[in-house]
Amino acid sequence: MAEPIQGVCLTNDDLTLLYDLSTSIHAIDDLDKMLRSILKKMNSVFDIEGASIALHDAESQEFYFIRTAEEQHNGADENMSQMRFSDDYGVAGWVYHNKQPVTIPDVSKDDRYSADLDIQKDFITRSMICVPLKSRNEIIGVLYALNKRSGLFTRKDSLLMEILSGTIAIAVENAKLYGNIKAHADNLEKENLRLMSEVRDRFNLQGIIGSSPAMKRVFELLDKVVGTMTTVFIQGETGTGKELFAKAIHYNSPFKGKPFVAENCGALTENLLESELFGHVKGAFTGAVVDKKGLFEMADGGTVFLDEIADMPHTMQTKILRVLQEGQVRPVGGNRYHRVDFRLIASSNRDLLEEVKKGRFRDDLYYRLHVFPIVLPPLKSRKEDIPILVDHFIKKLSQKFKRPKARLAPPALELLMQFDWPGNIRELENEIERALTLAGDDKEIKAAYLSEKIAGTRVADPAASAENVTLPEAIERIERHMVTRALQAAKGNRSQAARILGLTRQGLLNKINRYQINA
């Protein structure tokens, strides 16, 4: 069935060629294989005897052939790959300098044609289409279709060549960039390992991961407070890792050799909480058969972390305030005070000042705790960290499950980026563990392995309404949509958006320019 495009009907073979090209463009690690396949398919679709590509060397101002699709023999391929000619020579020179395609029905009647470029002994050029390969900023070469077997080249042939040339130009440019990146990959990997080692040595992150602006501000605050005994208050939603940050502060402090003890103030009754924190003497209550030190004494010289302190009963708040003011504790049932010296880190998932205003938290204790506040951003406010968090969890869980590290499919990552994560990092880790479990031996974590609540964030498929458009138009619509979504998810960070899409940064810039996306 034919499809109309600019008044021209495309056959199924035409559409297949366009589809094959669009789906193989990302195979930049095997450019020769991709080009050989495309040029070979051009022979049958265009009904021609040969097709070839000549790239432009801006430094030497020359063209050079990189590949031909017709069967090679008599050393033709080797000759073609070595042949270079001036960029103002022949039809290629005219196309390059005029920046427009040309169709020549009979080359013997066209002064721009030179027979010197017919490399193969048994190949004589009679007719051709030559179109420029346009990248974002320049013409990087030309694409030839040679010798129509029957009849003359048509408007449809010329139009298809122009469509192909744009996509091939992107593929070639991406391949060049890929080659440059690959040449430096080992050095970059070593440098990355060195920098990661520096970060671990500096913060001993204790599982904390993030490179977003919000997390950089948190790390700056950590850097300021780790070397002191200052009281720290950490505020953050459930699942943001408040205890991890408390541990990072302690284990990077000069007191890291001393104890770190933690207690959740909302997990115990008032009596049990008092006994845990202050200790008790033998016979203080039923079951107190021996003297027991409380956490404040056990942490002497180290750190006490009181999690969810807003849940602490009002009477316990008064006793905690006395400890902070006097530096002494009295065990439950005892009549002697014990000197204690510790650093206090407290946390809450609620705004303590609001709790003070509502009369649920003592204002004097609030000011004792609020010496050095750190507010942890929720995951929905730092979505640019999701890709590196996911990579960390996949690596961690793969080791736990003793299986090869899986790869997250781009559509699955897009869904993860769209979700708001009310349970924050803890919820994200649980989602990745679930997806890995469902994936089993599959080396790719697909969108189908994500839970329904995540899959429910899927946006409408931009190709769903493409029934009455051409394949190139549908491809353009999908690419524009995915690039826009990636830029939004990365909050305009083009390097991060490129990683989300599986593109090089230059490849992303090409698409932004091509589709005139405001980013």
Protein backbone atom coordinates (compact mmCIF):
# COMPACT_ATOMS: atom_id res chain seq x y z
CA MET A 1 0.00 0.00 0.00
CA ALA A 2 1.41 3.38 -0.99
CA GLU A 3 1.79 6.31 1.41
CA PRO A 4 1.63 9.96 0.22
CA ILE A 5 4.46 12.36 1.05
CA GLN A 6 4.54 15.84 -0.49
CA GLY A 7 2.34 14.65 -3.32
CA VAL A 8 4.47 11.55 -4.00
CA CYS A 9 3.34 7.98 -3.25
CA LEU A 10 5.82 5.81 -1.40
CA THR A 11 5.84 2.04 -1.86
CA ASN A 12 6.30 -0.53 0.89
CA ASP A 13 9.93 -0.92 -0.21
CA ASP A 14 10.42 2.83 0.20
CA LEU A 15 8.95 2.77 3.69
CA THR A 16 11.01 -0.28 4.61
CA LEU A 17 14.19 1.54 3.56
CA LEU A 18 13.26 4.57 5.67
CA TYR A 19 12.36 2.37 8.61
CA ASP A 20 15.59 0.35 8.39
CA LEU A 21 17.60 3.53 8.33
CA SER A 22 15.76 5.12 11.26
CA THR A 23 16.13 2.00 13.42
CA SER A 24 19.81 1.47 12.60
CA ILE A 25 20.95 5.05 13.13
CA HIS A 26 21.93 4.37 16.73
CA ALA A 27 24.29 1.54 15.68
CA ILE A 28 27.17 4.00 15.71
CA ASP A 29 29.61 1.37 16.92
CA ASP A 30 29.38 -0.39 13.54
CA LEU A 31 29.00 2.40 11.00
CA ASP A 32 30.45 0.42 8.06
CA LYS A 33 27.97 -2.40 8.57
CA MET A 34 25.06 0.03 8.80
CA LEU A 35 26.09 1.98 5.69
CA ARG A 36 26.74 -1.16 3.66
CA SER A 37 23.25 -2.40 4.53
CA ILE A 38 21.57 0.89 3.65
CA LEU A 39 23.48 1.42 0.40
CA LYS A 40 22.81 -2.15 -0.67
CA LYS A 41 19.09 -1.72 -0.02
CA MET A 42 19.17 1.52 -2.03
CA ASN A 43 20.18 -0.48 -5.09
CA SER A 44 16.93 -2.42 -5.13
CA VAL A 45 14.60 0.36 -3.93
CA PHE A 46 15.89 2.96 -6.39
CA ASP A 47 16.52 0.34 -9.10
CA ILE A 48 20.10 1.57 -9.58
CA GLU A 49 23.46 -0.04 -10.28
CA GLY A 50 25.34 1.52 -7.39
CA ALA A 51 25.40 3.98 -4.49
CA SER A 52 28.25 5.54 -2.56
CA ILE A 53 29.18 8.17 -0.01
CA ALA A 54 32.02 10.69 -0.14
CA LEU A 55 32.89 12.53 3.09
CA HIS A 56 34.38 15.99 3.30
CA ASP A 57 37.73 16.66 5.00
CA ALA A 58 37.50 20.31 6.06
CA GLU A 59 41.19 20.50 6.98
CA SER A 60 42.49 19.42 3.56
CA GLN A 61 39.42 20.69 1.64
CA GLU A 62 39.01 17.32 -0.02
CA PHE A 63 36.42 14.57 -0.46
CA TYR A 64 37.16 10.89 0.17
CA PHE A 65 35.00 7.80 -0.42
CA ILE A 66 34.26 5.67 2.65
CA ARG A 67 32.04 2.85 1.31
CA THR A 68 30.30 1.54 -1.77
CA ALA A 69 27.38 -0.87 -1.75
CA GLU A 70 27.82 -2.55 -5.10
CA GLU A 71 29.76 -5.79 -5.14
CA GLN A 72 33.46 -5.05 -4.90
CA HIS A 73 35.97 -6.67 -7.19
CA ASN A 74 39.22 -5.92 -9.01
CA GLY A 75 40.41 -3.88 -6.03
CA ALA A 76 37.69 -1.26 -6.51
CA ASP A 77 36.84 -0.97 -2.82
CA GLU A 78 40.47 -0.42 -1.87
CA ASN A 79 40.92 2.19 -4.61
CA MET A 80 37.75 3.99 -3.62
CA SER A 81 38.69 4.10 0.07
CA GLN A 82 42.08 5.65 -0.81
CA MET A 83 40.86 8.11 -3.44
CA ARG A 84 40.69 11.80 -2.51
CA PHE A 85 39.75 14.79 -4.65
CA SER A 86 39.39 18.54 -4.21
CA ASP A 87 36.09 19.82 -2.79
CA ASP A 88 35.59 22.08 -5.83
CA TYR A 89 35.89 19.17 -8.26
CA GLY A 90 33.14 17.32 -10.12
CA VAL A 91 29.49 17.02 -9.22
CA ALA A 92 30.33 16.60 -5.52
CA GLY A 93 32.17 19.93 -5.57
CA TRP A 94 29.20 21.66 -7.18
CA VAL A 95 26.75 20.16 -4.64
CA TYR A 96 29.04 21.08 -1.74
CA HIS A 97 29.49 24.72 -2.70
CA ASN A 98 25.90 25.28 -3.84
CA LYS A 99 24.48 23.39 -0.84
CA GLN A 100 21.74 21.77 -2.92
CA PRO A 101 21.08 18.39 -4.58
CA VAL A 102 21.34 17.73 -8.29
CA THR A 103 19.78 15.14 -10.61
CA ILE A 104 21.67 14.45 -13.87
CA PRO A 105 19.80 12.26 -16.40
CA ASP A 106 22.85 12.04 -18.74
CA VAL A 107 26.27 12.80 -17.27
CA SER A 108 27.88 12.95 -20.73
CA LYS A 109 25.96 16.18 -21.33
CA ASP A 110 26.86 17.81 -18.01
CA ASP A 111 30.12 19.75 -17.61
CA ARG A 112 30.17 19.19 -13.84
CA TYR A 113 30.75 15.45 -14.23
CA SER A 114 34.25 13.93 -14.36
CA ALA A 115 34.82 10.33 -15.51
CA ASP A 116 37.99 10.22 -13.42
CA LEU A 117 35.83 9.31 -10.42
CA ASP A 118 34.67 6.04 -12.03
CA ILE A 119 37.04 3.79 -10.11
CA GLN A 120 35.85 0.37 -11.20
CA LYS A 121 37.10 -0.75 -14.58
CA ASP A 122 33.73 -2.19 -15.61
CA PHE A 123 31.59 0.61 -14.13
CA ILE A 124 30.65 3.59 -16.28
CA THR A 125 28.43 6.29 -14.80
CA ARG A 126 25.52 7.31 -17.05
CA SER A 127 23.12 9.12 -14.70
CA MET A 128 23.07 10.16 -11.06
CA ILE A 129 21.49 11.91 -8.14
CA CYS A 130 23.92 13.62 -5.77
CA VAL A 131 22.66 15.15 -2.51
CA PRO A 132 24.54 16.90 0.31
CA LEU A 133 24.90 15.28 3.73
CA LYS A 134 23.97 18.18 5.98
CA SER A 135 24.80 18.12 9.67
CA ARG A 136 23.85 20.79 12.17
CA ASN A 137 26.52 23.30 11.15
CA GLU A 138 28.02 22.10 7.90
CA ILE A 139 27.95 19.78 4.91
CA ILE A 140 29.95 16.69 5.88
CA GLY A 141 29.78 14.91 2.50
CA VAL A 142 27.59 13.80 -0.39
CA LEU A 143 25.42 10.76 -1.17
CA TYR A 144 25.32 9.32 -4.72
CA ALA A 145 22.73 7.17 -6.48
CA LEU A 146 24.21 5.98 -9.80
CA ASN A 147 22.69 4.67 -13.05
CA LYS A 148 18.94 4.19 -13.07
CA ARG A 149 18.43 0.75 -14.61
CA SER A 150 15.17 1.61 -16.38
CA GLY A 151 13.83 5.03 -17.27
CA LEU A 152 14.96 8.24 -15.62
CA PHE A 153 15.37 9.33 -12.03
CA THR A 154 12.05 10.65 -10.70
CA ARG A 155 10.99 13.36 -8.27
CA LYS A 156 10.24 10.61 -5.77
CA ASP A 157 13.83 9.32 -6.09
CA SER A 158 15.18 12.78 -5.41
CA LEU A 159 12.87 13.29 -2.43
CA LEU A 160 13.79 9.92 -0.90
CA MET A 161 17.48 10.68 -1.35
CA GLU A 162 17.11 13.95 0.53
CA ILE A 163 15.29 12.20 3.40
CA LEU A 164 17.97 9.51 3.56
CA SER A 165 20.80 12.02 3.43
CA GLY A 166 19.64 13.85 6.55
CA THR A 167 19.47 10.68 8.62
CA ILE A 168 22.75 9.28 7.24
CA ALA A 169 24.47 12.59 8.04
CA ILE A 170 23.41 12.28 11.68
CA ALA A 171 24.60 8.66 11.78
CA VAL A 172 28.01 9.53 10.33
CA GLU A 173 28.46 12.51 12.65
CA ASN A 174 27.43 10.44 15.68
CA ALA A 175 29.89 7.74 14.61
CA LYS A 176 32.71 10.29 14.47
CA LEU A 177 31.83 11.54 17.93
CA TYR A 178 31.52 7.98 19.19
CA GLY A 179 34.98 7.18 17.87
CA ASN A 180 36.47 10.18 19.67
CA ILE A 181 34.70 9.25 22.89
CA LYS A 182 35.70 5.59 22.63
CA ALA A 183 39.35 6.56 22.11
CA HIS A 184 39.31 8.32 25.48
CA ALA A 185 36.97 5.91 27.29
CA ASP A 186 39.68 4.20 29.33
CA ASN A 187 41.12 7.49 30.55
CA LEU A 188 37.68 8.84 31.39
CA GLU A 189 36.79 5.68 33.28
CA LYS A 190 40.01 5.87 35.30
CA GLU A 191 39.40 9.55 36.03
CA ASN A 192 35.85 8.79 37.08
CA LEU A 193 37.07 6.08 39.47
CA ARG A 194 39.62 8.47 40.90
CA LEU A 195 37.01 11.19 41.48
CA MET A 196 34.56 8.71 42.98
CA SER A 197 37.31 7.54 45.32
CA GLU A 198 37.96 11.14 46.36
CA VAL A 199 34.28 11.67 47.09
CA ARG A 200 34.12 8.49 49.19
CA ASP A 201 37.27 9.45 51.08
CA ARG A 202 35.86 12.89 51.71
CA PHE A 203 32.34 12.01 52.79
CA ASN A 204 32.29 8.22 53.19
CA LEU A 205 28.84 8.58 51.67
CA GLN A 206 27.35 5.61 53.51
CA GLY A 207 25.14 4.90 50.49
CA ILE A 208 24.27 8.56 49.81
CA ILE A 209 24.24 9.31 46.08
CA GLY A 210 23.43 12.52 44.26
CA SER A 211 24.88 15.13 41.92
CA SER A 212 21.90 17.47 41.57
CA PRO A 213 22.23 21.12 42.69
CA ALA A 214 20.00 20.38 45.70
CA MET A 215 22.24 17.52 46.82
CA LYS A 216 25.41 19.51 46.23
CA ARG A 217 24.11 22.11 48.70
CA VAL A 218 23.50 19.33 51.24
CA PHE A 219 27.02 17.97 50.74
CA GLU A 220 28.42 21.48 51.27
CA LEU A 221 26.59 21.68 54.61
CA LEU A 222 27.89 18.24 55.58
CA ASP A 223 31.42 19.35 54.79
CA LYS A 224 31.04 22.29 57.17
CA VAL A 225 29.65 20.35 60.13
CA VAL A 226 31.43 16.98 60.13
CA GLY A 227 34.48 18.27 61.97
CA THR A 228 32.52 19.82 64.85
CA MET A 229 30.41 18.68 67.83
CA THR A 230 27.58 20.99 66.75
CA THR A 231 24.02 19.72 67.22
CA VAL A 232 22.46 18.92 63.84
CA PHE A 233 18.79 18.78 62.93
CA ILE A 234 17.86 16.89 59.74
CA GLN A 235 14.44 17.48 58.23
CA GLY A 236 13.19 15.37 55.35
CA GLU A 237 10.31 13.29 54.13
CA THR A 238 10.10 9.59 54.97
CA GLY A 239 12.51 7.62 52.79
CA THR A 240 14.95 10.46 52.08
CA GLY A 241 17.72 8.77 54.09
CA LYS A 242 17.92 10.84 57.28
CA GLU A 243 19.76 8.15 59.23
CA LEU A 244 22.22 7.67 56.37
CA PHE A 245 23.10 11.36 56.58
CA ALA A 246 23.46 11.13 60.35
CA LYS A 247 25.89 8.22 59.92
CA ALA A 248 27.80 10.13 57.22
CA ILE A 249 28.26 13.03 59.67
CA HIS A 250 29.43 10.76 62.49
CA TYR A 251 31.73 8.48 60.51
CA ASN A 252 33.49 11.44 58.89
CA SER A 253 33.96 13.30 62.16
CA PRO A 254 36.99 13.18 64.46
CA PHE A 255 34.83 10.98 66.73
CA LYS A 256 34.22 8.23 64.18
CA GLY A 257 35.97 5.73 66.48
CA LYS A 258 33.37 6.37 69.15
CA PRO A 259 29.84 4.87 69.28
CA PHE A 260 26.97 5.84 67.01
CA VAL A 261 23.63 4.96 68.63
CA ALA A 262 20.19 5.57 67.13
CA GLU A 263 16.65 5.45 68.44
CA ASN A 264 13.28 6.05 66.78
CA CYS A 265 11.32 8.25 69.17
CA GLY A 266 7.96 7.18 67.76
CA ALA A 267 8.58 3.43 67.94
CA LEU A 268 8.44 3.00 71.74
CA THR A 269 6.07 3.90 74.55
CA GLU A 270 7.13 6.75 76.82
CA ASN A 271 8.34 4.46 79.63
CA LEU A 272 10.32 2.21 77.32
CA LEU A 273 11.81 5.20 75.51
CA GLU A 274 12.94 6.75 78.80
CA SER A 275 14.56 3.48 79.85
CA GLU A 276 16.30 3.15 76.48
CA LEU A 277 17.70 6.69 76.55
CA PHE A 278 18.48 7.17 80.25
CA GLY A 279 18.96 3.57 81.41
CA HIS A 280 17.59 2.14 84.65
CA VAL A 281 18.71 0.66 87.95
CA LYS A 282 17.92 -2.79 89.26
CA GLY A 283 14.38 -2.96 90.64
CA ALA A 284 13.23 0.30 89.02
CA PHE A 285 10.27 -1.53 87.51
CA THR A 286 9.07 -5.06 86.89
CA GLY A 287 11.63 -6.77 84.69
CA ALA A 288 14.51 -4.50 85.69
CA VAL A 289 16.62 -7.32 87.14
CA VAL A 290 19.99 -5.63 86.51
CA ASP A 291 21.35 -2.11 86.07
CA LYS A 292 21.30 -0.96 82.45
CA LYS A 293 23.12 1.93 80.80
CA GLY A 294 21.04 4.18 78.59
CA LEU A 295 21.96 5.24 75.06
CA PHE A 296 23.24 8.62 76.24
CA GLU A 297 25.84 6.92 78.44
CA MET A 298 26.62 4.28 75.83
CA ALA A 299 27.35 7.00 73.26
CA ASP A 300 29.77 8.88 75.52
CA GLY A 301 32.22 10.72 73.24
CA GLY A 302 30.21 9.73 70.14
CA THR A 303 26.86 10.49 68.52
CA VAL A 304 23.24 9.99 69.53
CA PHE A 305 20.73 10.04 66.67
CA LEU A 306 17.11 10.63 67.69
CA ASP A 307 14.94 9.85 64.68
CA GLU A 308 11.43 11.34 64.32
CA ILE A 309 11.86 13.46 67.44
CA ALA A 310 8.57 15.25 66.75
CA ASP A 311 6.83 12.04 67.88
CA MET A 312 8.43 12.22 71.33
CA PRO A 313 5.93 12.72 74.20
CA HIS A 314 5.90 16.21 75.75
CA THR A 315 7.17 15.03 79.15
CA MET A 316 10.12 13.28 77.48
CA GLN A 317 10.93 16.50 75.63
CA THR A 318 11.42 18.19 79.02
CA LYS A 319 13.85 15.48 80.15
CA ILE A 320 15.81 15.64 76.88
CA LEU A 321 16.12 19.41 77.25
CA ARG A 322 17.62 18.96 80.73
CA VAL A 323 20.19 16.54 79.39
CA LEU A 324 21.24 19.00 76.70
CA GLN A 325 21.42 21.89 79.15
CA GLU A 326 23.24 20.13 82.01
CA GLY A 327 25.11 17.31 80.28
CA GLN A 328 23.88 14.84 82.89
CA VAL A 329 21.50 11.88 82.96
CA ARG A 330 19.80 10.06 85.81
CA PRO A 331 18.75 6.46 85.18
CA VAL A 332 15.13 5.50 85.78
CA GLY A 333 14.76 4.60 89.48
CA GLY A 334 18.20 6.00 90.32
CA ASN A 335 19.21 8.90 92.58
CA ARG A 336 22.62 9.67 91.08
CA TYR A 337 23.45 11.67 87.97
CA HIS A 338 26.04 10.55 85.43
CA ARG A 339 28.06 12.94 83.30
CA VAL A 340 27.60 12.44 79.54
CA ASP A 341 29.31 13.98 76.54
CA PHE A 342 27.91 13.30 73.09
CA ARG A 343 26.89 14.96 69.89
CA LEU A 344 23.16 15.01 69.20
CA ILE A 345 21.69 14.61 65.73
CA ALA A 346 17.89 14.74 65.59
CA SER A 347 15.53 14.33 62.66
CA SER A 348 11.88 14.66 61.72
CA ASN A 349 9.68 14.28 58.66
CA ARG A 350 7.61 17.21 59.93
CA ASP A 351 8.32 20.93 60.22
CA LEU A 352 9.29 21.36 63.88
CA LEU A 353 8.48 25.07 63.87
CA GLU A 354 4.92 24.27 62.81
CA GLU A 355 4.76 21.72 65.61
CA VAL A 356 5.88 24.44 68.05
CA LYS A 357 3.16 26.80 66.79
CA LYS A 358 0.55 24.07 67.31
CA GLY A 359 1.77 23.47 70.88
CA ARG A 360 2.96 19.93 70.19
CA PHE A 361 6.68 20.62 70.60
CA ARG A 362 8.56 22.66 73.17
CA ASP A 363 9.93 25.90 71.76
CA ASP A 364 13.00 25.86 74.05
CA LEU A 365 13.90 22.33 72.87
CA TYR A 366 13.30 23.42 69.28
CA TYR A 367 15.96 26.15 69.59
CA ARG A 368 18.35 23.69 71.24
CA LEU A 369 17.98 21.32 68.32
CA HIS A 370 17.82 23.85 65.50
CA VAL A 371 21.48 24.87 65.75
CA PHE A 372 22.56 23.51 62.35
CA PRO A 373 19.52 22.54 60.24
CA ILE A 374 19.87 20.44 57.07
CA VAL A 375 16.81 19.99 54.85
CA LEU A 376 16.92 16.89 52.64
CA PRO A 377 15.18 17.41 49.28
CA PRO A 378 12.50 14.87 48.30
CA LEU A 379 13.28 12.73 45.27
CA LYS A 380 10.68 14.54 43.17
CA SER A 381 12.77 17.71 43.60
CA ARG A 382 15.99 16.03 42.45
CA LYS A 383 14.85 13.79 39.60
CA GLU A 384 18.11 14.34 37.75
CA ASP A 385 19.64 12.01 40.36
CA ILE A 386 17.31 9.13 39.45
CA PRO A 387 19.54 7.64 36.68
CA ILE A 388 22.60 7.38 38.94
CA LEU A 389 20.49 6.14 41.85
CA VAL A 390 18.99 3.46 39.63
CA ASP A 391 22.43 2.43 38.37
CA HIS A 392 23.64 2.19 41.98
CA PHE A 393 20.67 0.06 43.06
CA ILE A 394 20.96 -2.25 40.03
CA LYS A 395 24.64 -2.83 40.81
CA LYS A 396 23.98 -3.32 44.53
CA LEU A 397 21.02 -5.66 44.04
CA SER A 398 22.70 -7.60 41.23
CA GLN A 399 25.52 -8.41 43.63
CA LYS A 400 22.97 -9.36 46.30
CA PHE A 401 21.13 -11.69 43.89
CA LYS A 402 24.44 -12.94 42.43
CA ARG A 403 23.49 -12.25 38.82
CA PRO A 404 25.03 -10.16 35.99
CA LYS A 405 24.22 -6.47 36.10
CA ALA A 406 21.13 -5.72 34.00
CA ARG A 407 20.54 -2.68 31.82
CA LEU A 408 17.55 -0.37 32.30
CA ALA A 409 15.65 0.16 29.04
CA PRO A 410 15.17 3.87 28.10
CA PRO A 411 11.31 3.64 28.16
CA ALA A 412 11.51 2.23 31.71
CA LEU A 413 13.81 5.05 32.79
CA GLU A 414 11.43 7.60 31.29
CA LEU A 415 8.58 6.18 33.41
CA LEU A 416 10.75 6.31 36.54
CA MET A 417 11.59 9.94 35.77
CA GLN A 418 7.90 10.83 35.42
CA PHE A 419 6.82 9.35 38.78
CA ASP A 420 6.80 11.64 41.85
CA TRP A 421 8.05 9.04 44.40
CA PRO A 422 6.09 9.85 47.58
CA GLY A 423 8.21 7.19 49.35
CA ASN A 424 11.39 8.81 48.01
CA ILE A 425 14.66 6.86 47.65
CA ARG A 426 13.45 3.91 49.72
CA GLU A 427 10.49 3.50 47.36
CA LEU A 428 12.76 3.75 44.31
CA GLU A 429 15.08 1.05 45.66
CA ASN A 430 12.11 -1.22 46.36
CA GLU A 431 10.82 -0.65 42.81
CA ILE A 432 14.18 -1.58 41.29
CA GLU A 433 14.40 -4.72 43.45
CA ARG A 434 10.91 -5.74 42.31
CA ALA A 435 11.76 -5.08 38.64
CA LEU A 436 15.01 -7.07 38.89
CA THR A 437 13.13 -9.96 40.44
CA LEU A 438 10.58 -9.95 37.62
CA ALA A 439 13.31 -9.60 34.98
CA GLY A 440 14.92 -12.85 36.11
CA ASP A 441 17.65 -13.76 33.61
CA ASP A 442 16.65 -10.98 31.22
CA LYS A 443 19.61 -8.62 30.82
CA GLU A 444 17.32 -5.64 30.23
CA ILE A 445 14.83 -4.19 32.71
CA LYS A 446 11.87 -3.29 30.49
CA ALA A 447 8.95 -1.00 31.28
CA ALA A 448 6.75 -4.11 31.57
CA TYR A 449 8.64 -5.10 34.72
CA LEU A 450 7.68 -1.92 36.56
CA SER A 451 4.73 -1.83 38.95
CA GLU A 452 1.31 -0.57 37.83
CA LYS A 453 1.64 2.68 39.79
CA ILE A 454 4.79 3.51 37.80
CA ALA A 455 3.44 2.32 34.44
CA GLY A 456 0.36 4.45 35.08
CA THR A 457 2.48 7.58 34.58
CA ARG A 458 3.00 6.68 30.91
CA VAL A 459 2.18 9.60 28.64
CA ALA A 460 0.15 9.21 25.49
CA ASP A 461 2.04 7.52 22.69
CA PRO A 462 2.88 10.25 20.14
CA ALA A 463 2.78 7.64 17.39
CA ALA A 464 -0.76 6.58 18.26
CA SER A 465 -2.27 9.35 16.16
CA ALA A 466 0.12 8.83 13.27
CA GLU A 467 -2.16 6.77 11.09
CA ASN A 468 -2.53 9.50 8.48
CA VAL A 469 1.06 10.72 8.42
CA THR A 470 4.14 9.50 6.63
CA LEU A 471 6.76 7.36 8.34
CA PRO A 472 9.35 10.19 8.40
CA GLU A 473 6.75 12.47 9.97
CA ALA A 474 5.90 9.85 12.60
CA ILE A 475 9.58 9.32 13.38
CA GLU A 476 10.08 13.06 13.67
CA ARG A 477 7.09 13.36 16.00
CA ILE A 478 8.35 10.56 18.26
CA GLU A 479 11.90 11.91 18.38
CA ARG A 480 10.71 15.46 19.15
CA HIS A 481 8.49 14.14 21.94
CA MET A 482 11.23 11.98 23.52
CA VAL A 483 13.83 14.76 23.35
CA THR A 484 11.42 17.24 24.93
CA ARG A 485 10.50 14.81 27.72
CA ALA A 486 14.15 14.00 28.44
CA LEU A 487 15.07 17.69 28.67
CA GLN A 488 12.17 18.27 31.04
CA ALA A 489 13.17 15.32 33.20
CA ALA A 490 16.78 16.57 33.30
CA LYS A 491 15.61 20.14 34.03
CA GLY A 492 17.45 21.44 30.98
CA ASN A 493 20.72 19.60 31.67
CA ARG A 494 21.64 18.49 28.16
CA SER A 495 24.34 16.02 29.19
CA GLN A 496 21.90 14.29 31.53
CA ALA A 497 19.15 14.32 28.87
CA ALA A 498 21.58 12.74 26.37
CA ARG A 499 22.29 9.93 28.84
CA ILE A 500 18.58 9.35 29.33
CA LEU A 501 18.08 9.03 25.56
CA GLY A 502 21.20 6.94 24.99
CA LEU A 503 22.71 9.64 22.74
CA THR A 504 25.96 11.54 22.69
CA ARG A 505 25.66 15.14 23.82
CA GLN A 506 26.38 16.32 20.26
CA GLY A 507 23.74 13.92 18.93
CA LEU A 508 21.20 15.50 21.28
CA LEU A 509 22.25 19.02 20.23
CA ASN A 510 21.72 18.01 16.60
CA LYS A 511 18.16 16.92 17.34
CA ILE A 512 17.42 20.05 19.40
CA ASN A 513 18.55 22.18 16.48
CA ARG A 514 16.80 20.05 13.88
CA TYR A 515 13.44 20.18 15.63
CA GLN A 516 13.97 23.75 16.93
CA ILE A 517 13.25 22.69 20.51
CA ASN A 518 13.52 25.45 23.09
CA ALA A 519 15.78 24.04 25.77
